[in-house]
Amino acid sequence: MSDTPRPDVDEIRQDIERTRRELGDTAEALAHKANVSARAKEKATEVLDTTKAKAAVAKDTVKAKAEQAMHVAHVKAEDASLQAQKTIDNLPEPAARRARGIVVAIQRRPGVFIAGAVVSIAVLRRIARRKKGQA
């Protein structure tokens, strides 16, 4: 007989079970690694979720900034209206009457006024560029 102790049957069975579990985990990991389409789908889902989250944050940011800009525009429009009214009140009566008519027209159809102002600015810029090119 030898001096080395022999493992008992229970130890051997436990060792075999542990080895089987480790082998099963290794096989499962290898199968997952070999399944490229599943990994690609997982990555795509992950990217999509990240993109959706970032889009939601961007949407909230844009909405907040738009609301802030609307508020600022409203306040500035009120200030401009008060300033225009003060200026009109200081005009001679025929000019004041004509100016009030223009203000009423702008208030009724502000889009037309804004479009006209944009077109006027574009035309004036084009004229300025042409003059600059001739000089």
C-alpha atoms as a PDB file:
ATOM      1  CA  MET A   1       0.000   0.000   0.000  1.00  0.00           C
ATOM      2  CA  SER A   2       1.074   3.563  -0.535  1.00  0.00           C
ATOM      3  CA  ASP A   3       1.187   6.434   1.915  1.00  0.00           C
ATOM      4  CA  THR A   4      -0.925   8.856  -0.145  1.00  0.00           C
ATOM      5  CA  PRO A   5      -4.506   9.077   1.048  1.00  0.00           C
ATOM      6  CA  ARG A   6      -7.098   8.043  -1.471  1.00  0.00           C
ATOM      7  CA  PRO A   7     -10.040  10.381  -2.039  1.00  0.00           C
ATOM      8  CA  ASP A   8     -13.326   8.994  -1.018  1.00  0.00           C
ATOM      9  CA  VAL A   9     -16.198   8.430  -3.442  1.00  0.00           C
ATOM     10  CA  ASP A  10     -18.141  11.556  -2.398  1.00  0.00           C
ATOM     11  CA  GLU A  11     -15.152  13.808  -3.079  1.00  0.00           C
ATOM     12  CA  ILE A  12     -14.723  12.237  -6.500  1.00  0.00           C
ATOM     13  CA  ARG A  13     -18.428  12.736  -7.311  1.00  0.00           C
ATOM     14  CA  GLN A  14     -18.292  16.383  -6.189  1.00  0.00           C
ATOM     15  CA  ASP A  15     -15.181  16.930  -8.303  1.00  0.00           C
ATOM     16  CA  ILE A  16     -16.916  15.368 -11.317  1.00  0.00           C
ATOM     17  CA  GLU A  17     -20.017  17.562 -10.804  1.00  0.00           C
ATOM     18  CA  ARG A  18     -17.899  20.720 -10.483  1.00  0.00           C
ATOM     19  CA  THR A  19     -15.979  19.793 -13.633  1.00  0.00           C
ATOM     20  CA  ARG A  20     -19.253  19.154 -15.502  1.00  0.00           C
ATOM     21  CA  ARG A  21     -20.632  22.559 -14.430  1.00  0.00           C
ATOM     22  CA  GLU A  22     -17.425  24.312 -15.480  1.00  0.00           C
ATOM     23  CA  LEU A  23     -17.442  22.434 -18.782  1.00  0.00           C
ATOM     24  CA  GLY A  24     -21.109  23.348 -19.321  1.00  0.00           C
ATOM     25  CA  ASP A  25     -20.411  27.028 -18.567  1.00  0.00           C
ATOM     26  CA  THR A  26     -17.435  26.975 -20.942  1.00  0.00           C
ATOM     27  CA  ALA A  27     -19.496  25.312 -23.682  1.00  0.00           C
ATOM     28  CA  GLU A  28     -22.294  27.855 -23.189  1.00  0.00           C
ATOM     29  CA  ALA A  29     -19.826  30.747 -23.377  1.00  0.00           C
ATOM     30  CA  LEU A  30     -18.277  29.336 -26.550  1.00  0.00           C
ATOM     31  CA  ALA A  31     -21.719  28.811 -28.115  1.00  0.00           C
ATOM     32  CA  HIS A  32     -22.670  32.413 -27.299  1.00  0.00           C
ATOM     33  CA  LYS A  33     -19.396  33.680 -28.734  1.00  0.00           C
ATOM     34  CA  ALA A  34     -19.909  31.638 -31.896  1.00  0.00           C
ATOM     35  CA  ASN A  35     -23.472  32.935 -32.364  1.00  0.00           C
ATOM     36  CA  VAL A  36     -22.581  36.153 -34.179  1.00  0.00           C
ATOM     37  CA  SER A  37     -26.133  37.005 -35.234  1.00  0.00           C
ATOM     38  CA  ALA A  38     -27.398  36.853 -31.643  1.00  0.00           C
ATOM     39  CA  ARG A  39     -24.525  39.035 -30.444  1.00  0.00           C
ATOM     40  CA  ALA A  40     -25.195  41.490 -33.280  1.00  0.00           C
ATOM     41  CA  LYS A  41     -28.871  41.673 -32.302  1.00  0.00           C
ATOM     42  CA  GLU A  42     -27.928  42.261 -28.666  1.00  0.00           C
ATOM     43  CA  LYS A  43     -25.558  45.049 -29.670  1.00  0.00           C
ATOM     44  CA  ALA A  44     -28.172  46.579 -31.985  1.00  0.00           C
ATOM     45  CA  THR A  45     -30.735  46.544 -29.180  1.00  0.00           C
ATOM     46  CA  GLU A  46     -28.227  48.138 -26.833  1.00  0.00           C
ATOM     47  CA  VAL A  47     -27.387  50.870 -29.356  1.00  0.00           C
ATOM     48  CA  LEU A  48     -31.073  51.468 -30.073  1.00  0.00           C
ATOM     49  CA  ASP A  49     -31.865  51.821 -26.376  1.00  0.00           C
ATOM     50  CA  THR A  50     -28.988  54.255 -25.923  1.00  0.00           C
ATOM     51  CA  THR A  51     -30.080  56.257 -28.963  1.00  0.00           C
ATOM     52  CA  LYS A  52     -33.678  56.429 -27.732  1.00  0.00           C
ATOM     53  CA  ALA A  53     -32.522  57.656 -24.345  1.00  0.00           C
ATOM     54  CA  LYS A  54     -30.314  60.337 -25.906  1.00  0.00           C
ATOM     55  CA  ALA A  55     -33.131  61.380 -28.258  1.00  0.00           C
ATOM     56  CA  ALA A  56     -35.505  61.763 -25.321  1.00  0.00           C
ATOM     57  CA  VAL A  57     -32.996  63.975 -23.505  1.00  0.00           C
ATOM     58  CA  ALA A  58     -32.423  66.043 -26.664  1.00  0.00           C
ATOM     59  CA  LYS A  59     -36.181  66.409 -27.186  1.00  0.00           C
ATOM     60  CA  ASP A  60     -36.664  67.632 -23.623  1.00  0.00           C
ATOM     61  CA  THR A  61     -33.768  70.070 -23.992  1.00  0.00           C
ATOM     62  CA  VAL A  62     -35.103  71.453 -27.288  1.00  0.00           C
ATOM     63  CA  LYS A  63     -38.603  71.769 -25.842  1.00  0.00           C
ATOM     64  CA  ALA A  64     -37.316  73.644 -22.793  1.00  0.00           C
ATOM     65  CA  LYS A  65     -35.204  75.986 -24.911  1.00  0.00           C
ATOM     66  CA  ALA A  66     -38.101  76.597 -27.308  1.00  0.00           C
ATOM     67  CA  GLU A  67     -40.396  77.489 -24.416  1.00  0.00           C
ATOM     68  CA  GLN A  68     -37.756  79.820 -23.039  1.00  0.00           C
ATOM     69  CA  ALA A  69     -37.270  81.440 -26.458  1.00  0.00           C
ATOM     70  CA  MET A  70     -41.034  81.875 -26.852  1.00  0.00           C
ATOM     71  CA  HIS A  71     -41.197  83.587 -23.475  1.00  0.00           C
ATOM     72  CA  VAL A  72     -38.295  85.894 -24.321  1.00  0.00           C
ATOM     73  CA  ALA A  73     -39.837  86.691 -27.721  1.00  0.00           C
ATOM     74  CA  HIS A  74     -43.172  87.461 -26.091  1.00  0.00           C
ATOM     75  CA  VAL A  75     -41.561  89.808 -23.561  1.00  0.00           C
ATOM     76  CA  LYS A  76     -39.550  91.556 -26.278  1.00  0.00           C
ATOM     77  CA  ALA A  77     -42.641  91.896 -28.478  1.00  0.00           C
ATOM     78  CA  GLU A  78     -44.516  93.527 -25.610  1.00  0.00           C
ATOM     79  CA  ASP A  79     -41.600  95.905 -25.008  1.00  0.00           C
ATOM     80  CA  ALA A  80     -41.428  96.762 -28.715  1.00  0.00           C
ATOM     81  CA  SER A  81     -45.177  97.338 -28.803  1.00  0.00           C
ATOM     82  CA  LEU A  82     -44.979  99.738 -25.853  1.00  0.00           C
ATOM     83  CA  GLN A  83     -42.028 101.552 -27.417  1.00  0.00           C
ATOM     84  CA  ALA A  84     -43.859 101.816 -30.759  1.00  0.00           C
ATOM     85  CA  GLN A  85     -46.942 103.176 -29.000  1.00  0.00           C
ATOM     86  CA  LYS A  86     -44.849 105.833 -27.223  1.00  0.00           C
ATOM     87  CA  THR A  87     -43.218 106.799 -30.514  1.00  0.00           C
ATOM     88  CA  ILE A  88     -46.580 106.973 -32.310  1.00  0.00           C
ATOM     89  CA  ASP A  89     -47.999 109.159 -29.541  1.00  0.00           C
ATOM     90  CA  ASN A  90     -45.211 111.686 -30.193  1.00  0.00           C
ATOM     91  CA  LEU A  91     -45.944 111.921 -33.947  1.00  0.00           C
ATOM     92  CA  PRO A  92     -48.116 114.588 -35.568  1.00  0.00           C
ATOM     93  CA  GLU A  93     -51.735 113.373 -35.891  1.00  0.00           C
ATOM     94  CA  PRO A  94     -51.757 112.454 -39.629  1.00  0.00           C
ATOM     95  CA  ALA A  95     -48.532 110.442 -39.262  1.00  0.00           C
ATOM     96  CA  ALA A  96     -49.735 108.883 -36.003  1.00  0.00           C
ATOM     97  CA  ARG A  97     -52.999 107.772 -37.680  1.00  0.00           C
ATOM     98  CA  ARG A  98     -51.056 106.170 -40.530  1.00  0.00           C
ATOM     99  CA  ALA A  99     -48.626 104.477 -38.098  1.00  0.00           C
ATOM    100  CA  ARG A 100     -51.544 103.083 -36.044  1.00  0.00           C
ATOM    101  CA  GLY A 101     -52.978 101.619 -39.253  1.00  0.00           C
ATOM    102  CA  ILE A 102     -49.665  99.904 -39.974  1.00  0.00           C
ATOM    103  CA  VAL A 103     -49.481  98.536 -36.418  1.00  0.00           C
ATOM    104  CA  VAL A 104     -53.027  97.141 -36.703  1.00  0.00           C
ATOM    105  CA  ALA A 105     -52.151  95.511 -40.043  1.00  0.00           C
ATOM    106  CA  ILE A 106     -49.050  93.933 -38.536  1.00  0.00           C
ATOM    107  CA  GLN A 107     -51.034  92.661 -35.536  1.00  0.00           C
ATOM    108  CA  ARG A 108     -53.661  91.092 -37.806  1.00  0.00           C
ATOM    109  CA  ARG A 109     -51.188  89.325 -40.098  1.00  0.00           C
ATOM    110  CA  PRO A 110     -47.755  89.128 -38.470  1.00  0.00           C
ATOM    111  CA  GLY A 111     -46.617  86.326 -40.801  1.00  0.00           C
ATOM    112  CA  VAL A 112     -46.927  88.579 -43.840  1.00  0.00           C
ATOM    113  CA  PHE A 113     -44.939  91.300 -42.091  1.00  0.00           C
ATOM    114  CA  ILE A 114     -42.216  88.848 -41.027  1.00  0.00           C
ATOM    115  CA  ALA A 115     -41.993  87.387 -44.539  1.00  0.00           C
ATOM    116  CA  GLY A 116     -41.737  90.883 -45.984  1.00  0.00           C
ATOM    117  CA  ALA A 117     -39.026  91.809 -43.508  1.00  0.00           C
ATOM    118  CA  VAL A 118     -37.036  88.658 -44.334  1.00  0.00           C
ATOM    119  CA  VAL A 119     -37.307  89.310 -48.081  1.00  0.00           C
ATOM    120  CA  SER A 120     -36.315  92.954 -47.578  1.00  0.00           C
ATOM    121  CA  ILE A 121     -33.257  91.978 -45.553  1.00  0.00           C
ATOM    122  CA  ALA A 122     -32.233  89.414 -48.192  1.00  0.00           C
ATOM    123  CA  VAL A 123     -32.573  91.989 -50.983  1.00  0.00           C
ATOM    124  CA  LEU A 124     -30.595  94.604 -49.040  1.00  0.00           C
ATOM    125  CA  ARG A 125     -27.805  92.092 -48.320  1.00  0.00           C
ATOM    126  CA  ARG A 126     -27.623  91.131 -51.985  1.00  0.00           C
ATOM    127  CA  ILE A 127     -27.421  94.789 -52.998  1.00  0.00           C
ATOM    128  CA  ALA A 128     -24.683  95.407 -50.412  1.00  0.00           C
ATOM    129  CA  ARG A 129     -22.680  92.438 -51.704  1.00  0.00           C
ATOM    130  CA  ARG A 130     -22.935  93.640 -55.289  1.00  0.00           C
ATOM    131  CA  LYS A 131     -21.780  97.123 -54.305  1.00  0.00           C
ATOM    132  CA  LYS A 132     -18.903  95.621 -52.338  1.00  0.00           C
ATOM    133  CA  GLY A 133     -17.881  93.529 -55.363  1.00  0.00           C
ATOM    134  CA  GLN A 134     -17.893  96.591 -57.664  1.00  0.00           C
ATOM    135  CA  ALA A 135     -15.810  98.721 -55.336  1.00  0.00           C
END
